[in-house]
Protein backbone atom coordinates (compact mmCIF):
# COMPACT_ATOMS: atom_id res chain seq x y z
CA MET A 1 -0.11 0.05 -0.01
CA LYS A 2 1.24 3.43 -0.77
CA ARG A 3 2.46 5.68 1.93
CA LYS A 4 -0.26 8.37 1.05
CA ASN A 5 -2.95 5.75 1.60
CA ILE A 6 -1.54 4.58 4.82
CA THR A 7 -1.41 8.19 6.07
CA ILE A 8 -4.94 8.88 5.15
CA ILE A 9 -6.16 5.66 6.79
CA SER A 10 -4.12 6.51 9.90
CA LEU A 11 -5.59 9.86 10.08
CA THR A 12 -9.05 8.58 9.90
CA ILE A 13 -8.43 5.99 12.48
CA ALA A 14 -6.79 8.41 14.89
CA PHE A 15 -9.69 10.82 14.20
CA PHE A 16 -12.45 8.44 15.28
CA LEU A 17 -10.40 6.39 17.89
CA GLY A 18 -9.04 9.65 19.35
CA ILE A 19 -12.24 10.87 20.49
CA PRO A 20 -12.16 8.81 23.46
CA PHE A 21 -8.60 10.35 24.10
CA LYS A 22 -10.12 13.59 24.67
CA TRP A 23 -8.57 15.63 21.91
CA ILE A 24 -12.05 17.40 21.51
CA GLN A 25 -12.72 19.34 24.87
CA TYR A 26 -15.48 21.76 25.78
CA LYS A 27 -14.20 24.85 27.74
CA GLY A 28 -11.66 22.63 29.65
CA SER A 29 -14.28 19.96 30.32
CA LYS A 30 -13.02 16.43 29.29
CA ASP A 31 -16.61 14.84 29.42
CA ILE A 32 -17.91 15.35 26.00
CA SER A 33 -19.76 13.04 23.53
CA ILE A 34 -19.34 13.29 19.84
CA PHE A 35 -23.07 13.88 19.73
CA GLN A 36 -22.87 16.87 21.84
CA ILE A 37 -20.50 18.82 19.47
CA ILE A 38 -23.40 20.13 17.36
CA ASP A 39 -25.35 21.29 20.48
CA LEU A 40 -22.50 22.95 22.09
CA GLY A 41 -21.21 24.94 18.89
CA ILE A 42 -17.97 24.86 17.31
CA THR A 43 -16.73 28.24 18.84
CA ASN A 44 -16.86 26.74 22.52
CA LEU A 45 -14.84 23.69 21.56
CA PHE A 46 -10.97 23.45 22.01
CA PHE A 47 -9.31 21.00 19.77
CA ASP A 48 -5.95 19.50 20.89
CA PHE A 49 -4.27 18.78 17.53
CA THR A 50 -1.04 17.94 19.19
CA LEU A 51 -2.67 14.72 20.58
CA LEU A 52 -4.34 13.91 17.37
CA GLY A 53 -1.14 14.19 15.48
CA LEU A 54 0.60 11.96 18.04
CA SER A 55 -2.30 9.48 17.75
CA THR A 56 -1.98 9.57 13.97
CA LEU A 57 1.86 8.94 14.16
CA ILE A 58 1.30 5.83 16.45
CA VAL A 59 -1.40 4.40 14.17
CA TYR A 60 0.68 5.01 11.12
CA LEU A 61 3.84 3.31 12.66
CA VAL A 62 1.79 0.30 13.75
CA LEU A 63 -0.15 0.05 10.21
CA SER A 64 3.34 0.27 8.47
CA LYS A 65 4.77 -2.48 10.52
CA ILE A 66 1.88 -4.71 10.02
CA LEU A 67 1.62 -4.17 6.35
CA LYS A 68 5.35 -4.60 6.25
CA ILE A 69 5.21 -7.93 7.69
CA ARG A 70 2.28 -9.04 5.94
CA GLU A 71 4.17 -8.70 2.66
């Protein structure tokens, strides 16, 4: 699989699995559900992109190793 495809898959996995890791916060409160995002409004949310990037990197490394072993 190409590196670009692995990166896109890693970002998607980290985006959806990263929600339990609390990279989306509401005014400092870490108890937020993905279903509350629309009700709370985008301006009141804080996005921790460092945590999202780190999650993406970890998923990318794991996926690369798995696909390398599989070949």
